[in-house]
Amino acid sequence: MRKEILDISTGGILLLLSAIGFLMAGQFGNGQAYGPDFFPKLILTLLAISAALLIVGGALRLKKEKSVPHIQFDRSAVGKIVLFIALLITYILLFFWVGFIISTILFLLAAQWIFGLRKVVLLAGVAVILPILLYFIFTLAFKIPLP
């Protein structure tokens, strides 16, 4: 797939996801200027700006070209993306049901497997150590409880 088309479509998806995330982050607010919703909204705003720049850059490069782009889809890549989106939805649903650590371990195992990581030691190491490390950083250092 051409880089311009890829940039425009990726930017569009990121812009949509950042808008949805921004709306969901508003539910964390408690009326304070720098409440629990401040950091997620800041990150999602920066993501939306980056996505918009990606869309504009891709559109400008596409406009400079005289030929009409021919889009080719790699069925394997599209299948992986659809499977990953389903995995993300499952992760979100599991997150509040079984908690952060278990759902994140399962998510990381499956996501790494989908995208081709087959080294079992590395796969298991990342999937187990990262959620536990993040849990302790957030709960002990930042004093932010995770489900």
Protein backbone atom coordinates (compact mmCIF):
# COMPACT_ATOMS: atom_id res chain seq x y z
CA MET A 1 0.00 0.00 0.00
CA ARG A 2 1.30 3.46 -0.83
CA LYS A 3 2.63 5.58 1.97
CA GLU A 4 0.23 8.48 1.32
CA ILE A 5 -2.86 6.29 1.53
CA LEU A 6 -1.45 4.53 4.58
CA ASP A 7 -0.76 7.88 6.30
CA ILE A 8 -4.25 9.20 5.58
CA SER A 9 -6.02 6.04 6.75
CA THR A 10 -3.83 5.65 9.85
CA GLY A 11 -4.32 9.31 10.72
CA GLY A 12 -8.08 8.97 10.32
CA ILE A 13 -8.26 5.94 12.59
CA LEU A 14 -6.03 7.59 15.20
CA LEU A 15 -8.09 10.77 15.06
CA LEU A 16 -11.29 8.81 15.60
CA LEU A 17 -9.82 6.79 18.46
CA SER A 18 -8.39 9.89 20.14
CA ALA A 19 -11.80 11.61 19.94
CA ILE A 20 -13.51 8.58 21.50
CA GLY A 21 -10.82 8.36 24.18
CA PHE A 22 -11.12 12.08 24.91
CA LEU A 23 -14.85 11.71 25.48
CA MET A 24 -14.30 8.68 27.69
CA ALA A 25 -11.58 10.47 29.69
CA GLY A 26 -14.12 13.16 30.56
CA GLN A 27 -15.81 10.59 32.78
CA PHE A 28 -12.74 10.55 35.05
CA GLY A 29 -13.11 14.26 35.84
CA ASN A 30 -13.99 15.55 39.25
CA GLY A 31 -14.29 19.25 38.44
CA GLN A 32 -10.68 20.10 39.20
CA ALA A 33 -8.49 21.75 36.58
CA TYR A 34 -5.78 19.10 36.99
CA GLY A 35 -7.89 16.13 38.01
CA PRO A 36 -7.59 12.50 36.97
CA ASP A 37 -8.80 13.33 33.47
CA PHE A 38 -6.07 15.90 32.75
CA PHE A 39 -3.22 13.60 31.65
CA PRO A 40 -5.33 11.28 29.43
CA LYS A 41 -6.92 14.32 27.76
CA LEU A 42 -3.49 15.88 27.23
CA ILE A 43 -2.09 12.73 25.62
CA LEU A 44 -5.20 12.24 23.48
CA THR A 45 -5.10 15.88 22.34
CA LEU A 46 -1.46 15.46 21.30
CA LEU A 47 -2.40 12.23 19.51
CA ALA A 48 -5.24 14.02 17.68
CA ILE A 49 -2.91 16.83 16.58
CA SER A 50 -0.34 14.30 15.35
CA ALA A 51 -3.06 12.35 13.51
CA ALA A 52 -4.33 15.53 11.84
CA LEU A 53 -0.79 16.41 10.73
CA LEU A 54 -0.40 12.88 9.36
CA ILE A 55 -3.64 13.23 7.38
CA VAL A 56 -2.74 16.66 6.00
CA GLY A 57 0.80 15.56 5.07
CA GLY A 58 -0.47 12.46 3.30
CA ALA A 59 -3.16 14.43 1.46
CA LEU A 60 -0.68 17.07 0.32
CA ARG A 61 1.77 14.45 -0.97
CA LEU A 62 -1.08 12.63 -2.71
CA LYS A 63 -2.30 15.87 -4.30
CA LYS A 64 1.15 16.58 -5.77
CA GLU A 65 1.04 13.35 -7.73
CA LYS A 66 -0.76 13.40 -11.05
CA SER A 67 -1.71 9.74 -11.24
CA VAL A 68 -4.72 8.23 -9.51
CA PRO A 69 -3.57 5.93 -6.70
CA HIS A 70 -4.23 2.24 -7.01
CA ILE A 71 -4.89 0.69 -3.62
CA GLN A 72 -3.84 -2.89 -2.99
CA PHE A 73 -4.75 -4.68 0.21
CA ASP A 74 -2.69 -7.41 1.76
CA ARG A 75 -5.29 -9.85 3.08
CA SER A 76 -2.92 -11.11 5.75
CA ALA A 77 -2.28 -7.60 7.11
CA VAL A 78 -5.99 -6.72 7.04
CA GLY A 79 -6.79 -9.96 8.86
CA LYS A 80 -4.20 -9.17 11.54
CA ILE A 81 -5.63 -5.69 12.00
CA VAL A 82 -9.20 -6.97 12.32
CA LEU A 83 -8.05 -9.64 14.77
CA PHE A 84 -6.13 -7.02 16.77
CA ILE A 85 -9.20 -4.75 16.96
CA ALA A 86 -11.24 -7.69 18.25
CA LEU A 87 -8.47 -8.37 20.76
CA LEU A 88 -8.55 -4.75 21.93
CA ILE A 89 -12.29 -4.90 22.49
CA THR A 90 -11.88 -8.15 24.42
CA TYR A 91 -9.10 -6.57 26.50
CA ILE A 92 -11.29 -3.61 27.41
CA LEU A 93 -14.12 -5.93 28.45
CA LEU A 94 -11.80 -8.18 30.46
CA PHE A 95 -9.98 -5.26 32.09
CA PHE A 96 -12.75 -4.47 34.56
CA TRP A 97 -13.83 -8.06 34.99
CA VAL A 98 -10.52 -9.78 35.87
CA GLY A 99 -8.30 -6.79 36.61
CA PHE A 100 -5.31 -5.06 35.09
CA ILE A 101 -2.58 -7.64 35.52
CA ILE A 102 -4.36 -10.74 34.20
CA SER A 103 -6.09 -8.99 31.31
CA THR A 104 -2.88 -7.21 30.26
CA ILE A 105 -0.84 -10.42 30.38
CA LEU A 106 -3.40 -12.17 28.16
CA PHE A 107 -3.60 -9.16 25.83
CA LEU A 108 0.17 -8.89 25.43
CA LEU A 109 0.57 -12.61 24.82
CA ALA A 110 -2.10 -12.61 22.11
CA ALA A 111 -1.01 -9.32 20.50
CA GLN A 112 2.62 -10.36 20.25
CA TRP A 113 1.60 -13.71 18.79
CA ILE A 114 -0.66 -12.05 16.20
CA PHE A 115 2.16 -9.81 14.99
CA GLY A 116 4.68 -12.60 14.64
CA LEU A 117 6.69 -12.86 17.85
CA ARG A 118 7.33 -16.56 18.34
CA LYS A 119 10.21 -16.58 20.85
CA VAL A 120 8.42 -18.01 23.87
CA VAL A 121 10.87 -16.68 26.46
CA LEU A 122 10.70 -13.11 25.13
CA LEU A 123 6.95 -13.30 24.60
CA ALA A 124 6.28 -14.54 28.13
CA GLY A 125 8.85 -12.24 29.69
CA VAL A 126 7.38 -9.09 28.19
CA ALA A 127 3.80 -10.20 28.80
CA VAL A 128 4.38 -10.98 32.49
CA ILE A 129 7.02 -8.48 33.60
CA LEU A 130 5.59 -5.36 31.93
CA PRO A 131 2.10 -5.44 33.53
CA ILE A 132 3.50 -6.23 36.96
CA LEU A 133 6.09 -3.46 36.66
CA LEU A 134 3.45 -0.96 35.48
CA TYR A 135 1.11 -2.01 38.29
CA PHE A 136 3.73 -1.32 40.94
CA ILE A 137 4.78 1.97 39.34
CA PHE A 138 1.21 3.25 39.25
CA THR A 139 0.14 1.97 42.66
CA LEU A 140 3.30 2.64 44.66
CA ALA A 141 5.00 5.58 42.94
CA PHE A 142 2.03 7.49 41.52
CA LYS A 143 -0.53 6.33 44.12
CA ILE A 144 -3.04 5.59 41.34
CA PRO A 145 -4.99 2.38 41.98
CA LEU A 146 -5.55 0.08 39.02
CA PRO A 147 -8.43 -2.40 38.81
